[in-house]
């Protein structure tokens, strides 16, 4: 995966994470916000948005 594709995936993942965090915060309250941020960032990194392998 080249650098441009990796950065695109990271940007999309973070945008989705922030959108989900806002929704979760509105529905479940402030206690769920850190959990949704941690899960979203973890999924983003696992899907290839993190450090390159090489």
PDB file of N, CA and C in Angstrom:
ATOM      1  N   UNK A   1       0.852  -1.168   0.000  1.00  0.00           N
ATOM      2  CA  UNK A   1       0.000   0.000   0.000  1.00  0.00           C
ATOM      3  C   UNK A   1       0.903   1.238   0.000  1.00  0.00           C
ATOM      4  N   UNK A   2       0.638   2.138  -0.900  1.00  0.00           N
ATOM      5  CA  UNK A   2       1.479   3.328  -0.963  1.00  0.00           C
ATOM      6  C   UNK A   2       1.046   4.358   0.095  1.00  0.00           C
ATOM      7  N   UNK A   3       1.850   5.372   0.225  1.00  0.00           N
ATOM      8  CA  UNK A   3       1.649   6.373   1.275  1.00  0.00           C
ATOM      9  C   UNK A   3       0.328   7.133   1.091  1.00  0.00           C
ATOM     10  N   UNK A   4      -0.003   7.465  -0.141  1.00  0.00           N
ATOM     11  CA  UNK A   4      -1.232   8.234  -0.394  1.00  0.00           C
ATOM     12  C   UNK A   4      -2.474   7.427  -0.008  1.00  0.00           C
ATOM     13  N   UNK A   5      -2.502   6.160  -0.357  1.00  0.00           N
ATOM     14  CA  UNK A   5      -3.639   5.308  -0.005  1.00  0.00           C
ATOM     15  C   UNK A   5      -3.726   5.123   1.505  1.00  0.00           C
ATOM     16  N   UNK A   6      -2.582   4.983   2.164  1.00  0.00           N
ATOM     17  CA  UNK A   6      -2.570   4.813   3.611  1.00  0.00           C
ATOM     18  C   UNK A   6      -3.118   6.053   4.310  1.00  0.00           C
ATOM     19  N   UNK A   7      -2.706   7.224   3.851  1.00  0.00           N
ATOM     20  CA  UNK A   7      -3.193   8.464   4.454  1.00  0.00           C
ATOM     21  C   UNK A   7      -4.685   8.669   4.185  1.00  0.00           C
ATOM     22  N   UNK A   8      -5.154   8.257   3.013  1.00  0.00           N
ATOM     23  CA  UNK A   8      -6.568   8.368   2.698  1.00  0.00           C
ATOM     24  C   UNK A   8      -7.380   7.477   3.639  1.00  0.00           C
ATOM     25  N   UNK A   9      -6.933   6.247   3.840  1.00  0.00           N
ATOM     26  CA  UNK A   9      -7.640   5.330   4.745  1.00  0.00           C
ATOM     27  C   UNK A   9      -7.633   5.860   6.172  1.00  0.00           C
ATOM     28  N   UNK A  10      -6.506   6.436   6.583  1.00  0.00           N
ATOM     29  CA  UNK A  10      -6.423   7.003   7.930  1.00  0.00           C
ATOM     30  C   UNK A  10      -7.399   8.161   8.082  1.00  0.00           C
ATOM     31  N   UNK A  11      -7.467   9.041   7.084  1.00  0.00           N
ATOM     32  CA  UNK A  11      -8.378  10.182   7.137  1.00  0.00           C
ATOM     33  C   UNK A  11      -9.834   9.759   7.180  1.00  0.00           C
ATOM     34  N   UNK A  12     -10.185   8.781   6.361  1.00  0.00           N
ATOM     35  CA  UNK A  12     -11.561   8.283   6.349  1.00  0.00           C
ATOM     36  C   UNK A  12     -11.889   7.633   7.688  1.00  0.00           C
ATOM     37  N   UNK A  13     -10.963   6.843   8.200  1.00  0.00           N
ATOM     38  CA  UNK A  13     -11.183   6.180   9.488  1.00  0.00           C
ATOM     39  C   UNK A  13     -11.366   7.166  10.619  1.00  0.00           C
ATOM     40  N   UNK A  14     -10.573   8.214  10.629  1.00  0.00           N
ATOM     41  CA  UNK A  14     -10.696   9.204  11.699  1.00  0.00           C
ATOM     42  C   UNK A  14     -11.976  10.012  11.566  1.00  0.00           C
ATOM     43  N   UNK A  15     -12.389  10.317  10.335  1.00  0.00           N
ATOM     44  CA  UNK A  15     -13.651  11.044  10.140  1.00  0.00           C
ATOM     45  C   UNK A  15     -14.833  10.213  10.626  1.00  0.00           C
ATOM     46  N   UNK A  16     -14.820   8.923  10.303  1.00  0.00           N
ATOM     47  CA  UNK A  16     -15.893   8.042  10.764  1.00  0.00           C
ATOM     48  C   UNK A  16     -15.856   7.921  12.282  1.00  0.00           C
ATOM     49  N   UNK A  17     -14.660   7.824  12.853  1.00  0.00           N
ATOM     50  CA  UNK A  17     -14.520   7.738  14.306  1.00  0.00           C
ATOM     51  C   UNK A  17     -15.110   8.966  14.992  1.00  0.00           C
ATOM     52  N   UNK A  18     -14.806  10.148  14.470  1.00  0.00           N
ATOM     53  CA  UNK A  18     -15.329  11.371  15.077  1.00  0.00           C
ATOM     54  C   UNK A  18     -16.852  11.457  14.946  1.00  0.00           C
ATOM     55  N   UNK A  19     -17.379  11.056  13.791  1.00  0.00           N
ATOM     56  CA  UNK A  19     -18.834  11.083  13.604  1.00  0.00           C
ATOM     57  C   UNK A  19     -19.522  10.119  14.566  1.00  0.00           C
ATOM     58  N   UNK A  20     -18.975   8.923  14.700  1.00  0.00           N
ATOM     59  CA  UNK A  20     -19.555   7.937  15.611  1.00  0.00           C
ATOM     60  C   UNK A  20     -19.443   8.422  17.059  1.00  0.00           C
ATOM     61  N   UNK A  21     -18.347   9.061  17.385  1.00  0.00           N
ATOM     62  CA  UNK A  21     -18.156   9.568  18.745  1.00  0.00           C
ATOM     63  C   UNK A  21     -19.201  10.614  19.095  1.00  0.00           C
ATOM     64  N   UNK A  22     -19.518  11.490  18.162  1.00  0.00           N
ATOM     65  CA  UNK A  22     -20.544  12.516  18.407  1.00  0.00           C
ATOM     66  C   UNK A  22     -21.894  11.860  18.632  1.00  0.00           C
ATOM     67  N   UNK A  23     -22.220  10.878  17.809  1.00  0.00           N
ATOM     68  CA  UNK A  23     -23.509  10.186  17.946  1.00  0.00           C
ATOM     69  C   UNK A  23     -23.579   9.430  19.275  1.00  0.00           C
ATOM     70  N   UNK A  24     -22.510   8.710  19.601  1.00  0.00           N
ATOM     71  CA  UNK A  24     -22.478   7.943  20.848  1.00  0.00           C
ATOM     72  C   UNK A  24     -22.563   8.876  22.053  1.00  0.00           C
ATOM     73  N   UNK A  25     -21.884  10.000  21.983  1.00  0.00           N
ATOM     74  CA  UNK A  25     -21.947  10.964  23.075  1.00  0.00           C
ATOM     75  C   UNK A  25     -23.350  11.518  23.274  1.00  0.00           C
ATOM     76  N   UNK A  26     -24.051  11.759  22.165  1.00  0.00           N
ATOM     77  CA  UNK A  26     -25.409  12.290  22.257  1.00  0.00           C
ATOM     78  C   UNK A  26     -26.390  11.241  22.784  1.00  0.00           C
ATOM     79  N   UNK A  27     -26.179   9.983  22.408  1.00  0.00           N
ATOM     80  CA  UNK A  27     -27.126   8.932  22.779  1.00  0.00           C
ATOM     81  C   UNK A  27     -26.832   8.363  24.169  1.00  0.00           C
ATOM     82  N   UNK A  28     -25.571   8.048  24.438  1.00  0.00           N
ATOM     83  CA  UNK A  28     -25.224   7.330  25.663  1.00  0.00           C
ATOM     84  C   UNK A  28     -24.574   8.191  26.739  1.00  0.00           C
ATOM     85  N   UNK A  29     -24.208   9.404  26.414  1.00  0.00           N
ATOM     86  CA  UNK A  29     -23.602  10.274  27.406  1.00  0.00           C
ATOM     87  C   UNK A  29     -22.081  10.268  27.331  1.00  0.00           C
ATOM     88  N   UNK A  30     -21.485  11.054  28.202  1.00  0.00           N
ATOM     89  CA  UNK A  30     -20.044  11.301  28.115  1.00  0.00           C
ATOM     90  C   UNK A  30     -19.188  10.102  28.517  1.00  0.00           C
ATOM     91  N   UNK A  31     -19.729   9.146  29.240  1.00  0.00           N
ATOM     92  CA  UNK A  31     -18.919   7.989  29.634  1.00  0.00           C
ATOM     93  C   UNK A  31     -18.560   7.095  28.451  1.00  0.00           C
ATOM     94  N   UNK A  32     -19.361   7.088  27.405  1.00  0.00           N
ATOM     95  CA  UNK A  32     -19.115   6.234  26.249  1.00  0.00           C
ATOM     96  C   UNK A  32     -18.157   6.873  25.243  1.00  0.00           C
ATOM     97  N   UNK A  33     -17.882   8.155  25.360  1.00  0.00           N
ATOM     98  CA  UNK A  33     -17.042   8.848  24.385  1.00  0.00           C
ATOM     99  C   UNK A  33     -15.616   8.302  24.359  1.00  0.00           C
ATOM    100  N   UNK A  34     -14.913   8.158  25.490  1.00  0.00           N
ATOM    101  CA  UNK A  34     -13.548   7.617  25.424  1.00  0.00           C
ATOM    102  C   UNK A  34     -13.501   6.201  24.860  1.00  0.00           C
ATOM    103  N   UNK A  35     -14.500   5.402  25.187  1.00  0.00           N
ATOM    104  CA  UNK A  35     -14.546   4.037  24.667  1.00  0.00           C
ATOM    105  C   UNK A  35     -14.725   4.034  23.154  1.00  0.00           C
ATOM    106  N   UNK A  36     -15.605   4.871  22.636  1.00  0.00           N
ATOM    107  CA  UNK A  36     -15.806   4.916  21.190  1.00  0.00           C
ATOM    108  C   UNK A  36     -14.575   5.461  20.476  1.00  0.00           C
ATOM    109  N   UNK A  37     -13.880   6.416  21.078  1.00  0.00           N
ATOM    110  CA  UNK A  37     -12.635   6.915  20.482  1.00  0.00           C
ATOM    111  C   UNK A  37     -11.568   5.823  20.439  1.00  0.00           C
ATOM    112  N   UNK A  38     -11.438   5.076  21.507  1.00  0.00           N
ATOM    113  CA  UNK A  38     -10.436   4.001  21.554  1.00  0.00           C
ATOM    114  C   UNK A  38     -10.744   2.909  20.539  1.00  0.00           C
ATOM    115  N   UNK A  39     -11.994   2.524  20.439  1.00  0.00           N
ATOM    116  CA  UNK A  39     -12.377   1.485  19.478  1.00  0.00           C
ATOM    117  C   UNK A  39     -12.178   1.975  18.051  1.00  0.00           C
ATOM    118  N   UNK A  40     -12.589   3.197  17.773  1.00  0.00           N
ATOM    119  CA  UNK A  40     -12.435   3.747  16.420  1.00  0.00           C
ATOM    120  C   UNK A  40     -10.984   3.871  16.005  1.00  0.00           C
ATOM    121  N   UNK A  41     -10.139   4.351  16.898  1.00  0.00           N
ATOM    122  CA  UNK A  41      -8.718   4.473  16.573  1.00  0.00           C
ATOM    123  C   UNK A  41      -8.096   3.097  16.378  1.00  0.00           C
ATOM    124  N   UNK A  42      -8.462   2.150  17.217  1.00  0.00           N
ATOM    125  CA  UNK A  42      -7.931   0.794  17.060  1.00  0.00           C
ATOM    126  C   UNK A  42      -8.321   0.171  15.735  1.00  0.00           C
ATOM    127  N   UNK A  43      -9.567   0.330  15.344  1.00  0.00           N
ATOM    128  CA  UNK A  43     -10.013  -0.213  14.056  1.00  0.00           C
ATOM    129  C   UNK A  43      -9.304   0.486  12.904  1.00  0.00           C
ATOM    130  N   UNK A  44      -9.148   1.801  12.999  1.00  0.00           N
ATOM    131  CA  UNK A  44      -8.442   2.546  11.952  1.00  0.00           C
ATOM    132  C   UNK A  44      -7.016   2.039  11.788  1.00  0.00           C
ATOM    133  N   UNK A  45      -6.324   1.830  12.886  1.00  0.00           N
ATOM    134  CA  UNK A  45      -4.942   1.354  12.813  1.00  0.00           C
ATOM    135  C   UNK A  45      -4.870  -0.076  12.297  1.00  0.00           C
ATOM    136  N   UNK A  46      -5.806  -0.918  12.700  1.00  0.00           N
ATOM    137  CA  UNK A  46      -5.806  -2.311  12.224  1.00  0.00           C
ATOM    138  C   UNK A  46      -6.118  -2.417  10.736  1.00  0.00           C
ATOM    139  N   UNK A  47      -6.906  -1.495  10.207  1.00  0.00           N
ATOM    140  CA  UNK A  47      -7.262  -1.544   8.788  1.00  0.00           C
ATOM    141  C   UNK A  47      -6.199  -0.940   7.888  1.00  0.00           C
ATOM    142  N   UNK A  48      -5.092  -0.543   8.453  1.00  0.00           N
ATOM    143  CA  UNK A  48      -3.984  -0.086   7.616  1.00  0.00           C
ATOM    144  C   UNK A  48      -3.760   1.403   7.623  1.00  0.00           C
ATOM    145  N   UNK A  49      -4.399   2.118   8.522  1.00  0.00           N
ATOM    146  CA  UNK A  49      -4.198   3.551   8.569  1.00  0.00           C
ATOM    147  C   UNK A  49      -3.021   3.968   9.424  1.00  0.00           C
ATOM    148  N   UNK A  50      -2.400   3.027  10.073  1.00  0.00           N
ATOM    149  CA  UNK A  50      -1.300   3.360  10.980  1.00  0.00           C
ATOM    150  C   UNK A  50       0.057   3.305  10.300  1.00  0.00           C
ATOM    151  N   UNK A  51       1.052   2.911  11.041  1.00  0.00           N
ATOM    152  CA  UNK A  51       2.421   2.874  10.523  1.00  0.00           C
ATOM    153  C   UNK A  51       2.538   1.850   9.408  1.00  0.00           C
ATOM    154  N   UNK A  52       3.385   2.181   8.456  1.00  0.00           N
ATOM    155  CA  UNK A  52       3.589   1.258   7.333  1.00  0.00           C
ATOM    156  C   UNK A  52       4.471   0.104   7.771  1.00  0.00           C
ATOM    157  N   UNK A  53       4.284  -1.022   7.139  1.00  0.00           N
ATOM    158  CA  UNK A  53       5.097  -2.197   7.453  1.00  0.00           C
ATOM    159  C   UNK A  53       6.252  -2.265   6.467  1.00  0.00           C
ATOM    160  N   UNK A  54       7.386  -1.856   6.927  1.00  0.00           N
ATOM    161  CA  UNK A  54       8.469  -1.947   5.958  1.00  0.00           C
ATOM    162  C   UNK A  54       9.659  -1.161   6.284  1.00  0.00           C
TER     163      UNK A  54
END
